[in-house]
Amino acid sequence: MDLEELFPSKPGDPLVELAKQDLDPISIEELHARIEALKAEIARVEAHIDRATKHRSAAEELFKK
């Protein structure tokens, strides 16, 4: 699977740029720090998904009546 399939091009999309970055010049310590930052971002996105799902469920319940 190619990067373009995973991350469709949007001008200036930081996720696309991040995925294309050459990791060779980055030290192991910096790579570990990058992983921790990405894990924190994943947790932030998952929390947002959870809030949005709860909000949608509440709205659907409200309008169901």
PDB file of N, CA and C in Angstrom:
ATOM      1  N   MET A   1       0.853  -1.179   0.000  1.00  0.00           N
ATOM      2  CA  MET A   1       0.000   0.000   0.000  1.00  0.00           C
ATOM      3  C   MET A   1       0.895   1.236   0.000  1.00  0.00           C
ATOM      4  N   ASP A   2       0.583   2.136  -0.845  1.00  0.00           N
ATOM      5  CA  ASP A   2       1.394   3.333  -1.035  1.00  0.00           C
ATOM      6  C   ASP A   2       0.899   4.476  -0.138  1.00  0.00           C
ATOM      7  N   LEU A   3       1.788   5.407   0.179  1.00  0.00           N
ATOM      8  CA  LEU A   3       1.444   6.518   1.084  1.00  0.00           C
ATOM      9  C   LEU A   3       0.262   7.324   0.577  1.00  0.00           C
ATOM     10  N   GLU A   4       0.156   7.485  -0.725  1.00  0.00           N
ATOM     11  CA  GLU A   4      -0.941   8.267  -1.303  1.00  0.00           C
ATOM     12  C   GLU A   4      -2.292   7.614  -1.017  1.00  0.00           C
ATOM     13  N   GLU A   5      -2.335   6.282  -0.968  1.00  0.00           N
ATOM     14  CA  GLU A   5      -3.579   5.576  -0.655  1.00  0.00           C
ATOM     15  C   GLU A   5      -3.946   5.762   0.816  1.00  0.00           C
ATOM     16  N   LEU A   6      -2.940   5.699   1.681  1.00  0.00           N
ATOM     17  CA  LEU A   6      -3.187   5.863   3.118  1.00  0.00           C
ATOM     18  C   LEU A   6      -3.546   7.293   3.484  1.00  0.00           C
ATOM     19  N   PHE A   7      -2.836   8.226   2.889  1.00  0.00           N
ATOM     20  CA  PHE A   7      -3.005   9.630   3.214  1.00  0.00           C
ATOM     21  C   PHE A   7      -3.244  10.415   1.930  1.00  0.00           C
ATOM     22  N   PRO A   8      -4.487  10.537   1.490  1.00  0.00           N
ATOM     23  CA  PRO A   8      -4.749  11.298   0.257  1.00  0.00           C
ATOM     24  C   PRO A   8      -4.201  12.713   0.371  1.00  0.00           C
ATOM     25  N   SER A   9      -3.682  13.208  -0.718  1.00  0.00           N
ATOM     26  CA  SER A   9      -3.036  14.521  -0.719  1.00  0.00           C
ATOM     27  C   SER A   9      -3.994  15.660  -0.427  1.00  0.00           C
ATOM     28  N   LYS A  10      -3.607  16.457   0.522  1.00  0.00           N
ATOM     29  CA  LYS A  10      -4.234  17.740   0.794  1.00  0.00           C
ATOM     30  C   LYS A  10      -3.050  18.694   0.881  1.00  0.00           C
ATOM     31  N   PRO A  11      -3.136  19.812   0.251  1.00  0.00           N
ATOM     32  CA  PRO A  11      -1.995  20.734   0.299  1.00  0.00           C
ATOM     33  C   PRO A  11      -1.577  21.048   1.738  1.00  0.00           C
ATOM     34  N   GLY A  12      -0.319  20.806   2.041  1.00  0.00           N
ATOM     35  CA  GLY A  12       0.219  21.152   3.358  1.00  0.00           C
ATOM     36  C   GLY A  12      -0.243  20.248   4.487  1.00  0.00           C
ATOM     37  N   ASP A  13      -0.783  19.064   4.178  1.00  0.00           N
ATOM     38  CA  ASP A  13      -1.254  18.157   5.230  1.00  0.00           C
ATOM     39  C   ASP A  13      -0.058  17.674   6.056  1.00  0.00           C
ATOM     40  N   PRO A  14      -0.001  18.022   7.348  1.00  0.00           N
ATOM     41  CA  PRO A  14       1.155  17.656   8.167  1.00  0.00           C
ATOM     42  C   PRO A  14       1.330  16.148   8.307  1.00  0.00           C
ATOM     43  N   LEU A  15       0.253  15.394   8.272  1.00  0.00           N
ATOM     44  CA  LEU A  15       0.365  13.940   8.398  1.00  0.00           C
ATOM     45  C   LEU A  15       1.084  13.347   7.197  1.00  0.00           C
ATOM     46  N   VAL A  16       0.778  13.852   6.011  1.00  0.00           N
ATOM     47  CA  VAL A  16       1.458  13.390   4.795  1.00  0.00           C
ATOM     48  C   VAL A  16       2.937  13.746   4.872  1.00  0.00           C
ATOM     49  N   GLU A  17       3.228  14.963   5.277  1.00  0.00           N
ATOM     50  CA  GLU A  17       4.623  15.398   5.386  1.00  0.00           C
ATOM     51  C   GLU A  17       5.375  14.569   6.423  1.00  0.00           C
ATOM     52  N   LEU A  18       4.747  14.272   7.524  1.00  0.00           N
ATOM     53  CA  LEU A  18       5.367  13.477   8.578  1.00  0.00           C
ATOM     54  C   LEU A  18       5.695  12.075   8.070  1.00  0.00           C
ATOM     55  N   ALA A  19       4.770  11.464   7.344  1.00  0.00           N
ATOM     56  CA  ALA A  19       4.969  10.113   6.840  1.00  0.00           C
ATOM     57  C   ALA A  19       6.064  10.042   5.781  1.00  0.00           C
ATOM     58  N   LYS A  20       6.333  11.141   5.123  1.00  0.00           N
ATOM     59  CA  LYS A  20       7.355  11.169   4.075  1.00  0.00           C
ATOM     60  C   LYS A  20       8.747  11.506   4.616  1.00  0.00           C
ATOM     61  N   GLN A  21       8.814  11.947   5.866  1.00  0.00           N
ATOM     62  CA  GLN A  21      10.086  12.408   6.419  1.00  0.00           C
ATOM     63  C   GLN A  21      11.104  11.273   6.505  1.00  0.00           C
ATOM     64  N   ASP A  22      12.350  11.566   6.114  1.00  0.00           N
ATOM     65  CA  ASP A  22      13.448  10.605   6.193  1.00  0.00           C
ATOM     66  C   ASP A  22      13.838  10.441   7.658  1.00  0.00           C
ATOM     67  N   LEU A  23      13.793   9.214   8.137  1.00  0.00           N
ATOM     68  CA  LEU A  23      14.105   8.958   9.549  1.00  0.00           C
ATOM     69  C   LEU A  23      15.596   8.687   9.793  1.00  0.00           C
ATOM     70  N   ASP A  24      16.361   8.467   8.726  1.00  0.00           N
ATOM     71  CA  ASP A  24      17.778   8.117   8.880  1.00  0.00           C
ATOM     72  C   ASP A  24      18.594   9.123   9.696  1.00  0.00           C
ATOM     73  N   PRO A  25      18.430  10.429   9.497  1.00  0.00           N
ATOM     74  CA  PRO A  25      19.272  11.359  10.263  1.00  0.00           C
ATOM     75  C   PRO A  25      18.806  11.584  11.710  1.00  0.00           C
ATOM     76  N   ILE A  26      17.728  10.967  12.118  1.00  0.00           N
ATOM     77  CA  ILE A  26      17.180  11.206  13.458  1.00  0.00           C
ATOM     78  C   ILE A  26      17.776  10.188  14.436  1.00  0.00           C
ATOM     79  N   SER A  27      18.211  10.673  15.601  1.00  0.00           N
ATOM     80  CA  SER A  27      18.821   9.788  16.601  1.00  0.00           C
ATOM     81  C   SER A  27      17.768   8.882  17.237  1.00  0.00           C
ATOM     82  N   ILE A  28      18.244   7.836  17.876  1.00  0.00           N
ATOM     83  CA  ILE A  28      17.346   6.889  18.552  1.00  0.00           C
ATOM     84  C   ILE A  28      16.546   7.605  19.640  1.00  0.00           C
ATOM     85  N   GLU A  29      17.209   8.491  20.394  1.00  0.00           N
ATOM     86  CA  GLU A  29      16.515   9.229  21.453  1.00  0.00           C
ATOM     87  C   GLU A  29      15.403  10.093  20.854  1.00  0.00           C
ATOM     88  N   GLU A  30      15.720  10.745  19.734  1.00  0.00           N
ATOM     89  CA  GLU A  30      14.712  11.577  19.070  1.00  0.00           C
ATOM     90  C   GLU A  30      13.567  10.723  18.526  1.00  0.00           C
ATOM     91  N   LEU A  31      13.881   9.529  18.044  1.00  0.00           N
ATOM     92  CA  LEU A  31      12.838   8.630  17.548  1.00  0.00           C
ATOM     93  C   LEU A  31      11.918   8.188  18.689  1.00  0.00           C
ATOM     94  N   HIS A  32      12.516   7.903  19.854  1.00  0.00           N
ATOM     95  CA  HIS A  32      11.693   7.544  21.021  1.00  0.00           C
ATOM     96  C   HIS A  32      10.794   8.710  21.434  1.00  0.00           C
ATOM     97  N   ALA A  33      11.341   9.916  21.409  1.00  0.00           N
ATOM     98  CA  ALA A  33      10.547  11.106  21.750  1.00  0.00           C
ATOM     99  C   ALA A  33       9.419  11.283  20.734  1.00  0.00           C
ATOM    100  N   ARG A  34       9.717  11.015  19.479  1.00  0.00           N
ATOM    101  CA  ARG A  34       8.704  11.123  18.417  1.00  0.00           C
ATOM    102  C   ARG A  34       7.575  10.118  18.647  1.00  0.00           C
ATOM    103  N   ILE A  35       7.944   8.893  19.025  1.00  0.00           N
ATOM    104  CA  ILE A  35       6.937   7.869  19.312  1.00  0.00           C
ATOM    105  C   ILE A  35       6.039   8.320  20.456  1.00  0.00           C
ATOM    106  N   GLU A  36       6.634   8.874  21.517  1.00  0.00           N
ATOM    107  CA  GLU A  36       5.836   9.340  22.656  1.00  0.00           C
ATOM    108  C   GLU A  36       4.897  10.466  22.241  1.00  0.00           C
ATOM    109  N   ALA A  37       5.382  11.364  21.410  1.00  0.00           N
ATOM    110  CA  ALA A  37       4.535  12.465  20.931  1.00  0.00           C
ATOM    111  C   ALA A  37       3.390  11.921  20.074  1.00  0.00           C
ATOM    112  N   LEU A  38       3.684  10.935  19.241  1.00  0.00           N
ATOM    113  CA  LEU A  38       2.635  10.336  18.411  1.00  0.00           C
ATOM    114  C   LEU A  38       1.609   9.584  19.262  1.00  0.00           C
ATOM    115  N   LYS A  39       2.077   8.894  20.304  1.00  0.00           N
ATOM    116  CA  LYS A  39       1.151   8.202  21.213  1.00  0.00           C
ATOM    117  C   LYS A  39       0.231   9.214  21.905  1.00  0.00           C
ATOM    118  N   ALA A  40       0.789  10.351  22.308  1.00  0.00           N
ATOM    119  CA  ALA A  40      -0.023  11.390  22.942  1.00  0.00           C
ATOM    120  C   ALA A  40      -1.051  11.929  21.949  1.00  0.00           C
ATOM    121  N   GLU A  41      -0.661  12.088  20.703  1.00  0.00           N
ATOM    122  CA  GLU A  41      -1.595  12.577  19.686  1.00  0.00           C
ATOM    123  C   GLU A  41      -2.690  11.539  19.419  1.00  0.00           C
ATOM    124  N   ILE A  42      -2.328  10.265  19.404  1.00  0.00           N
ATOM    125  CA  ILE A  42      -3.324   9.204  19.224  1.00  0.00           C
ATOM    126  C   ILE A  42      -4.335   9.247  20.368  1.00  0.00           C
ATOM    127  N   ALA A  43      -3.856   9.402  21.596  1.00  0.00           N
ATOM    128  CA  ALA A  43      -4.750   9.475  22.758  1.00  0.00           C
ATOM    129  C   ALA A  43      -5.675  10.683  22.645  1.00  0.00           C
ATOM    130  N   ARG A  44      -5.152  11.803  22.181  1.00  0.00           N
ATOM    131  CA  ARG A  44      -5.966  13.014  22.015  1.00  0.00           C
ATOM    132  C   ARG A  44      -7.056  12.802  20.971  1.00  0.00           C
ATOM    133  N   VAL A  45      -6.701  12.163  19.862  1.00  0.00           N
ATOM    134  CA  VAL A  45      -7.675  11.905  18.800  1.00  0.00           C
ATOM    135  C   VAL A  45      -8.720  10.897  19.269  1.00  0.00           C
ATOM    136  N   GLU A  46      -8.289   9.855  19.989  1.00  0.00           N
ATOM    137  CA  GLU A  46      -9.243   8.864  20.500  1.00  0.00           C
ATOM    138  C   GLU A  46     -10.216   9.505  21.482  1.00  0.00           C
ATOM    139  N   ALA A  47      -9.734  10.413  22.327  1.00  0.00           N
ATOM    140  CA  ALA A  47     -10.613  11.112  23.271  1.00  0.00           C
ATOM    141  C   ALA A  47     -11.620  11.981  22.509  1.00  0.00           C
ATOM    142  N   HIS A  48     -11.172  12.613  21.443  1.00  0.00           N
ATOM    143  CA  HIS A  48     -12.077  13.428  20.635  1.00  0.00           C
ATOM    144  C   HIS A  48     -13.148  12.552  19.972  1.00  0.00           C
ATOM    145  N   ILE A  49     -12.737  11.412  19.450  1.00  0.00           N
ATOM    146  CA  ILE A  49     -13.694  10.472  18.838  1.00  0.00           C
ATOM    147  C   ILE A  49     -14.726  10.039  19.872  1.00  0.00           C
ATOM    148  N   ASP A  50     -14.261   9.746  21.079  1.00  0.00           N
ATOM    149  CA  ASP A  50     -15.169   9.310  22.145  1.00  0.00           C
ATOM    150  C   ASP A  50     -16.185  10.407  22.474  1.00  0.00           C
ATOM    151  N   ARG A  51     -15.702  11.654  22.605  1.00  0.00           N
ATOM    152  CA  ARG A  51     -16.618  12.776  22.890  1.00  0.00           C
ATOM    153  C   ARG A  51     -17.606  12.968  21.749  1.00  0.00           C
ATOM    154  N   ALA A  52     -17.132  12.886  20.520  1.00  0.00           N
ATOM    155  CA  ALA A  52     -18.008  13.081  19.359  1.00  0.00           C
ATOM    156  C   ALA A  52     -19.052  11.967  19.265  1.00  0.00           C
ATOM    157  N   THR A  53     -18.647  10.744  19.566  1.00  0.00           N
ATOM    158  CA  THR A  53     -19.581   9.613  19.542  1.00  0.00           C
ATOM    159  C   THR A  53     -20.663   9.785  20.601  1.00  0.00           C
ATOM    160  N   LYS A  54     -20.258  10.199  21.804  1.00  0.00           N
ATOM    161  CA  LYS A  54     -21.232  10.421  22.883  1.00  0.00           C
ATOM    162  C   LYS A  54     -22.179  11.565  22.526  1.00  0.00           C
ATOM    163  N   HIS A  55     -21.640  12.617  21.937  1.00  0.00           N
ATOM    164  CA  HIS A  55     -22.459  13.756  21.535  1.00  0.00           C
ATOM    165  C   HIS A  55     -23.478  13.336  20.487  1.00  0.00           C
ATOM    166  N   ARG A  56     -23.034  12.558  19.504  1.00  0.00           N
ATOM    167  CA  ARG A  56     -23.937  12.091  18.454  1.00  0.00           C
ATOM    168  C   ARG A  56     -25.040  11.202  19.042  1.00  0.00           C
ATOM    169  N   SER A  57     -24.649  10.305  19.948  1.00  0.00           N
ATOM    170  CA  SER A  57     -25.638   9.422  20.574  1.00  0.00           C
ATOM    171  C   SER A  57     -26.676  10.217  21.358  1.00  0.00           C
ATOM    172  N   ALA A  58     -26.215  11.243  22.068  1.00  0.00           N
ATOM    173  CA  ALA A  58     -27.134  12.079  22.843  1.00  0.00           C
ATOM    174  C   ALA A  58     -28.085  12.820  21.893  1.00  0.00           C
ATOM    175  N   ALA A  59     -27.576  13.324  20.809  1.00  0.00           N
ATOM    176  CA  ALA A  59     -28.417  14.048  19.843  1.00  0.00           C
ATOM    177  C   ALA A  59     -29.425  13.103  19.203  1.00  0.00           C
ATOM    178  N   GLU A  60     -28.984  11.908  18.860  1.00  0.00           N
ATOM    179  CA  GLU A  60     -29.906  10.930  18.258  1.00  0.00           C
ATOM    180  C   GLU A  60     -31.015  10.554  19.237  1.00  0.00           C
ATOM    181  N   GLU A  61     -30.650  10.397  20.502  1.00  0.00           N
ATOM    182  CA  GLU A  61     -31.653  10.093  21.538  1.00  0.00           C
ATOM    183  C   GLU A  61     -32.659  11.223  21.669  1.00  0.00           C
ATOM    184  N   LEU A  62     -32.176  12.458  21.670  1.00  0.00           N
ATOM    185  CA  LEU A  62     -33.025  13.625  21.823  1.00  0.00           C
ATOM    186  C   LEU A  62     -34.046  13.717  20.677  1.00  0.00           C
ATOM    187  N   PHE A  63     -33.589  13.502  19.461  1.00  0.00           N
ATOM    188  CA  PHE A  63     -34.463  13.656  18.310  1.00  0.00           C
ATOM    189  C   PHE A  63     -35.280  12.413  17.999  1.00  0.00           C
ATOM    190  N   LYS A  64     -35.010  11.326  18.698  1.00  0.00           N
ATOM    191  CA  LYS A  64     -35.759  10.099  18.520  1.00  0.00           C
ATOM    192  C   LYS A  64     -37.147  10.228  19.121  1.00  0.00           C
ATOM    193  N   LYS A  65     -37.267  11.020  20.176  1.00  0.00           N
ATOM    194  CA  LYS A  65     -38.515  11.138  20.929  1.00  0.00           C
ATOM    195  C   LYS A  65     -39.553  11.921  20.199  1.00  0.00           C
TER     196      LYS A  65
END
